């Protein structure tokens, strides 16, 4: 069984450390193997591409780089502030809850 993560695709998160520290963004993808996530518009990396038939110009494109999950904190849906994540049972299912306000986190 795989470990449950506190961050999922579609969540709003704040970056705690690194070059993008203090910035907020939406999670595009979570990689369970490397325990990292791609956050929309953050940790941008330049990729150099040769001219091809698809893109005859070639050049430099920018895309999001991975950020380790330990450097991300979920934003509370009610207050918009960073919060820790807890788990509680609701209607027989385990749901993520905000430790700050107690709100259920929907994703």
N, C-alpha and C. Protein backbone atom coordinates (compact mmCIF):
# COMPACT_ATOMS: atom_id res chain seq x y z
N UNK A 1 0.84 -1.19 0.00
CA UNK A 1 0.00 0.00 0.00
C UNK A 1 0.88 1.25 0.00
N UNK A 2 0.50 2.24 -0.80
CA UNK A 2 1.29 3.46 -0.88
C UNK A 2 0.92 4.42 0.23
N UNK A 3 1.89 5.25 0.58
CA UNK A 3 1.71 6.23 1.64
C UNK A 3 0.72 7.32 1.19
N UNK A 4 -0.16 7.76 2.11
CA UNK A 4 -1.09 8.83 1.80
C UNK A 4 -0.35 10.16 1.88
N UNK A 5 -0.60 11.04 0.91
CA UNK A 5 0.08 12.32 0.84
C UNK A 5 -0.84 13.43 1.31
N UNK A 6 -0.26 14.51 1.83
CA UNK A 6 -1.06 15.63 2.30
C UNK A 6 -1.40 16.60 1.18
N UNK A 7 -0.78 16.42 0.00
CA UNK A 7 -1.04 17.29 -1.14
C UNK A 7 -1.48 16.45 -2.33
N UNK A 8 -2.50 16.93 -3.04
CA UNK A 8 -3.01 16.25 -4.22
C UNK A 8 -3.07 17.21 -5.39
N UNK A 9 -3.27 16.64 -6.57
CA UNK A 9 -3.42 17.44 -7.79
C UNK A 9 -4.61 18.38 -7.63
N UNK A 10 -4.45 19.64 -8.00
CA UNK A 10 -5.53 20.62 -7.93
C UNK A 10 -5.53 21.45 -6.66
N UNK A 11 -4.73 21.08 -5.65
CA UNK A 11 -4.66 21.84 -4.40
C UNK A 11 -3.94 23.16 -4.59
N UNK A 12 -4.30 24.15 -3.78
CA UNK A 12 -3.56 25.41 -3.74
C UNK A 12 -2.52 25.27 -2.63
N UNK A 13 -1.25 25.58 -2.95
CA UNK A 13 -0.17 25.41 -1.98
C UNK A 13 0.70 26.67 -1.92
N UNK A 14 1.46 26.78 -0.84
CA UNK A 14 2.46 27.85 -0.69
C UNK A 14 3.83 27.19 -0.57
N UNK A 15 4.83 27.77 -1.24
CA UNK A 15 6.19 27.25 -1.20
C UNK A 15 6.87 27.80 0.05
N UNK A 16 7.50 26.90 0.83
CA UNK A 16 8.12 27.28 2.10
C UNK A 16 9.59 27.65 1.95
N UNK A 17 10.30 27.02 1.04
CA UNK A 17 11.73 27.29 0.89
C UNK A 17 12.10 27.34 -0.58
N UNK A 18 13.29 27.84 -0.84
CA UNK A 18 13.80 27.87 -2.21
C UNK A 18 13.58 29.20 -2.89
N UNK A 19 13.84 29.21 -4.18
CA UNK A 19 13.77 30.43 -4.97
C UNK A 19 12.35 31.00 -5.03
N UNK A 20 11.36 30.14 -5.03
CA UNK A 20 9.95 30.57 -5.13
C UNK A 20 9.30 30.71 -3.76
N UNK A 21 10.08 30.90 -2.71
CA UNK A 21 9.55 30.96 -1.34
C UNK A 21 8.48 32.05 -1.19
N UNK A 22 7.38 31.67 -0.54
CA UNK A 22 6.30 32.61 -0.25
C UNK A 22 5.26 32.73 -1.36
N UNK A 23 5.49 32.10 -2.51
CA UNK A 23 4.56 32.21 -3.63
C UNK A 23 3.52 31.08 -3.55
N UNK A 24 2.33 31.38 -4.07
CA UNK A 24 1.23 30.42 -4.08
C UNK A 24 0.99 29.92 -5.50
N UNK A 25 0.48 28.71 -5.60
CA UNK A 25 0.15 28.16 -6.92
C UNK A 25 -0.68 26.90 -6.81
N UNK A 26 -1.20 26.47 -7.95
CA UNK A 26 -2.03 25.26 -8.00
C UNK A 26 -1.16 24.07 -8.42
N UNK A 27 -1.35 22.94 -7.76
CA UNK A 27 -0.58 21.72 -8.06
C UNK A 27 -1.09 21.13 -9.38
N UNK A 28 -0.17 20.94 -10.33
CA UNK A 28 -0.51 20.36 -11.62
C UNK A 28 -0.37 18.85 -11.62
N UNK A 29 0.64 18.36 -10.88
CA UNK A 29 0.95 16.94 -10.91
C UNK A 29 1.73 16.57 -9.65
N UNK A 30 1.48 15.38 -9.11
CA UNK A 30 2.22 14.88 -7.94
C UNK A 30 2.90 13.58 -8.33
N UNK A 31 4.20 13.47 -8.05
CA UNK A 31 4.96 12.26 -8.35
C UNK A 31 5.23 11.54 -7.04
N UNK A 32 4.58 10.40 -6.83
CA UNK A 32 4.71 9.64 -5.59
C UNK A 32 6.10 9.02 -5.44
N UNK A 33 6.72 8.69 -6.56
CA UNK A 33 8.03 8.03 -6.53
C UNK A 33 9.11 8.96 -5.97
N UNK A 34 9.13 10.20 -6.45
CA UNK A 34 10.15 11.16 -6.01
C UNK A 34 9.65 12.09 -4.91
N UNK A 35 8.37 11.92 -4.52
CA UNK A 35 7.75 12.75 -3.48
C UNK A 35 7.86 14.23 -3.83
N UNK A 36 7.53 14.56 -5.08
CA UNK A 36 7.60 15.94 -5.52
C UNK A 36 6.36 16.31 -6.31
N UNK A 37 6.18 17.63 -6.52
CA UNK A 37 5.00 18.12 -7.23
C UNK A 37 5.40 19.22 -8.20
N UNK A 38 4.62 19.36 -9.28
CA UNK A 38 4.78 20.48 -10.20
C UNK A 38 3.72 21.50 -9.83
N UNK A 39 4.15 22.74 -9.57
CA UNK A 39 3.23 23.80 -9.18
C UNK A 39 3.18 24.83 -10.31
N UNK A 40 1.97 25.19 -10.70
CA UNK A 40 1.73 26.07 -11.84
C UNK A 40 2.47 27.41 -11.70
N UNK A 41 3.36 27.70 -12.64
CA UNK A 41 4.06 28.98 -12.68
C UNK A 41 5.21 29.15 -11.71
N UNK A 42 5.57 28.11 -10.96
CA UNK A 42 6.65 28.21 -9.97
C UNK A 42 7.80 27.28 -10.32
N UNK A 43 9.01 27.64 -9.90
CA UNK A 43 10.24 26.86 -10.13
C UNK A 43 10.43 26.60 -11.62
N UNK A 44 10.34 27.67 -12.41
CA UNK A 44 10.43 27.57 -13.86
C UNK A 44 11.85 27.23 -14.31
N UNK A 45 11.96 26.27 -15.21
CA UNK A 45 13.24 25.83 -15.77
C UNK A 45 13.24 26.10 -17.27
N UNK A 46 14.40 26.49 -17.81
CA UNK A 46 14.53 26.73 -19.24
C UNK A 46 14.93 25.44 -19.94
N UNK A 47 14.25 25.12 -21.03
CA UNK A 47 14.57 23.93 -21.81
C UNK A 47 14.92 24.38 -23.22
N UNK A 48 16.12 24.01 -23.65
CA UNK A 48 16.59 24.37 -24.99
C UNK A 48 16.16 23.28 -25.97
N UNK A 49 15.53 23.69 -27.06
CA UNK A 49 15.08 22.69 -28.03
C UNK A 49 15.60 23.03 -29.43
N UNK A 50 15.98 21.98 -30.15
CA UNK A 50 16.47 22.13 -31.52
C UNK A 50 15.27 22.36 -32.45
N UNK A 51 15.50 23.00 -33.59
CA UNK A 51 14.40 23.14 -34.56
C UNK A 51 13.95 21.78 -35.08
N UNK A 52 12.66 21.57 -35.13
CA UNK A 52 12.07 20.33 -35.66
C UNK A 52 10.98 20.72 -36.66
N UNK A 53 10.38 19.72 -37.27
CA UNK A 53 9.28 20.01 -38.19
C UNK A 53 8.07 20.57 -37.44
N UNK A 54 7.88 20.15 -36.22
CA UNK A 54 6.77 20.64 -35.41
C UNK A 54 6.99 22.10 -35.02
N UNK A 55 8.21 22.42 -34.58
CA UNK A 55 8.55 23.81 -34.24
C UNK A 55 9.82 24.20 -34.99
N UNK A 56 9.67 24.76 -36.18
CA UNK A 56 10.84 25.07 -37.02
C UNK A 56 11.77 26.12 -36.41
N UNK A 57 11.25 26.93 -35.50
CA UNK A 57 12.07 27.97 -34.88
C UNK A 57 13.02 27.40 -33.84
N UNK A 58 12.56 26.40 -33.05
CA UNK A 58 13.38 25.88 -31.95
C UNK A 58 13.40 26.92 -30.83
N UNK A 59 14.51 26.99 -30.09
CA UNK A 59 14.67 28.02 -29.08
C UNK A 59 14.53 27.52 -27.66
N UNK A 60 14.22 28.46 -26.77
CA UNK A 60 14.15 28.16 -25.33
C UNK A 60 12.69 28.21 -24.89
N UNK A 61 12.24 27.14 -24.25
CA UNK A 61 10.90 27.11 -23.66
C UNK A 61 11.05 26.98 -22.16
N UNK A 62 10.07 27.50 -21.43
CA UNK A 62 10.10 27.43 -19.97
C UNK A 62 9.01 26.49 -19.49
N UNK A 63 9.35 25.63 -18.52
CA UNK A 63 8.36 24.74 -17.94
C UNK A 63 8.63 24.58 -16.45
N UNK A 64 7.60 24.14 -15.71
CA UNK A 64 7.71 24.00 -14.26
C UNK A 64 8.64 22.86 -13.89
N UNK A 65 9.44 23.10 -12.85
CA UNK A 65 10.31 22.06 -12.32
C UNK A 65 9.69 21.49 -11.05
N UNK A 66 10.10 20.28 -10.65
CA UNK A 66 9.51 19.68 -9.45
C UNK A 66 9.96 20.35 -8.16
N UNK A 67 9.07 20.38 -7.17
CA UNK A 67 9.36 20.89 -5.83
C UNK A 67 9.02 19.77 -4.86
N UNK A 68 9.93 19.48 -3.93
CA UNK A 68 9.69 18.40 -2.96
C UNK A 68 8.49 18.73 -2.09
N UNK A 69 7.70 17.71 -1.76
CA UNK A 69 6.47 17.91 -0.98
C UNK A 69 6.73 18.51 0.39
N UNK A 70 7.91 18.27 0.95
CA UNK A 70 8.22 18.82 2.28
C UNK A 70 8.38 20.33 2.22
N UNK A 71 8.57 20.88 1.02
CA UNK A 71 8.74 22.33 0.86
C UNK A 71 7.44 23.02 0.46
N UNK A 72 6.33 22.28 0.47
CA UNK A 72 5.02 22.83 0.13
C UNK A 72 4.08 22.70 1.31
N UNK A 73 3.19 23.69 1.47
CA UNK A 73 2.20 23.64 2.53
C UNK A 73 0.84 23.99 1.93
N UNK A 74 -0.15 23.19 2.24
CA UNK A 74 -1.50 23.36 1.72
C UNK A 74 -2.11 24.66 2.25
N UNK A 75 -2.87 25.37 1.40
CA UNK A 75 -3.56 26.58 1.84
C UNK A 75 -4.96 26.22 2.32
N UNK A 76 -5.34 26.79 3.46
CA UNK A 76 -6.67 26.55 4.04
C UNK A 76 -7.73 27.08 3.08
N UNK A 77 -8.76 26.27 2.76
CA UNK A 77 -9.79 26.73 1.81
C UNK A 77 -10.61 27.91 2.35
N UNK A 78 -10.72 28.04 3.66
CA UNK A 78 -11.55 29.08 4.26
C UNK A 78 -10.78 30.39 4.41
N UNK A 79 -9.58 30.33 5.02
CA UNK A 79 -8.84 31.55 5.32
C UNK A 79 -7.77 31.90 4.29
N UNK A 80 -7.33 30.92 3.49
CA UNK A 80 -6.29 31.18 2.51
C UNK A 80 -4.89 31.18 3.10
N UNK A 81 -4.76 30.81 4.38
CA UNK A 81 -3.47 30.75 5.05
C UNK A 81 -2.93 29.32 5.02
N UNK A 82 -1.61 29.13 5.13
CA UNK A 82 -1.05 27.77 5.15
C UNK A 82 -1.55 26.99 6.37
N UNK A 83 -1.78 25.71 6.18
CA UNK A 83 -2.29 24.88 7.28
C UNK A 83 -1.72 23.48 7.19
N UNK A 84 -1.66 22.82 8.34
CA UNK A 84 -1.29 21.41 8.36
C UNK A 84 -2.54 20.61 8.03
N UNK A 85 -2.35 19.35 7.64
CA UNK A 85 -3.47 18.52 7.21
C UNK A 85 -3.67 17.38 8.19
N UNK A 86 -4.92 17.18 8.58
CA UNK A 86 -5.28 16.06 9.42
C UNK A 86 -6.25 15.17 8.67
N UNK A 87 -6.56 14.02 9.23
CA UNK A 87 -7.51 13.10 8.60
C UNK A 87 -8.59 12.75 9.62
N UNK A 88 -9.83 12.76 9.16
CA UNK A 88 -10.93 12.36 10.02
C UNK A 88 -11.94 11.58 9.19
N UNK A 89 -12.77 10.81 9.88
CA UNK A 89 -13.75 9.98 9.18
C UNK A 89 -15.06 10.74 9.06
N UNK A 90 -15.62 10.74 7.83
CA UNK A 90 -16.89 11.41 7.60
C UNK A 90 -17.72 10.55 6.67
N UNK A 91 -18.88 10.13 7.11
CA UNK A 91 -19.76 9.24 6.34
C UNK A 91 -19.04 7.95 5.95
N UNK A 92 -18.21 7.43 6.84
CA UNK A 92 -17.51 6.17 6.59
C UNK A 92 -16.29 6.29 5.70
N UNK A 93 -15.95 7.52 5.28
CA UNK A 93 -14.78 7.73 4.44
C UNK A 93 -13.77 8.60 5.17
N UNK A 94 -12.49 8.37 4.88
CA UNK A 94 -11.42 9.17 5.46
C UNK A 94 -11.24 10.42 4.60
N UNK A 95 -11.38 11.61 5.21
CA UNK A 95 -11.25 12.86 4.47
C UNK A 95 -10.13 13.71 5.06
N UNK A 96 -9.56 14.58 4.22
CA UNK A 96 -8.52 15.50 4.70
C UNK A 96 -9.20 16.71 5.34
N UNK A 97 -8.68 17.13 6.50
CA UNK A 97 -9.23 18.30 7.18
C UNK A 97 -8.10 19.28 7.49
N UNK A 98 -8.46 20.55 7.58
CA UNK A 98 -7.51 21.60 7.90
C UNK A 98 -7.32 21.65 9.40
N UNK A 99 -6.07 21.65 9.87
CA UNK A 99 -5.80 21.74 11.31
C UNK A 99 -6.10 23.16 11.81
N UNK A 100 -6.05 24.15 10.93
CA UNK A 100 -6.25 25.55 11.32
C UNK A 100 -7.72 25.84 11.63
N UNK A 101 -8.62 25.42 10.72
CA UNK A 101 -10.04 25.76 10.90
C UNK A 101 -10.93 24.53 11.08
N UNK A 102 -10.43 23.34 10.80
CA UNK A 102 -11.24 22.15 10.92
C UNK A 102 -12.09 21.86 9.70
N UNK A 103 -11.99 22.71 8.66
CA UNK A 103 -12.76 22.55 7.43
C UNK A 103 -12.31 21.30 6.67
N UNK A 104 -13.24 20.64 5.97
CA UNK A 104 -12.91 19.53 5.09
C UNK A 104 -12.29 20.09 3.83
N UNK A 105 -11.18 19.50 3.39
CA UNK A 105 -10.50 19.96 2.20
C UNK A 105 -10.98 19.14 1.02
N UNK A 106 -11.60 19.81 0.06
CA UNK A 106 -12.10 19.14 -1.14
C UNK A 106 -11.09 19.35 -2.25
N UNK A 107 -10.89 18.30 -3.06
CA UNK A 107 -9.95 18.46 -4.18
C UNK A 107 -10.56 17.96 -5.46
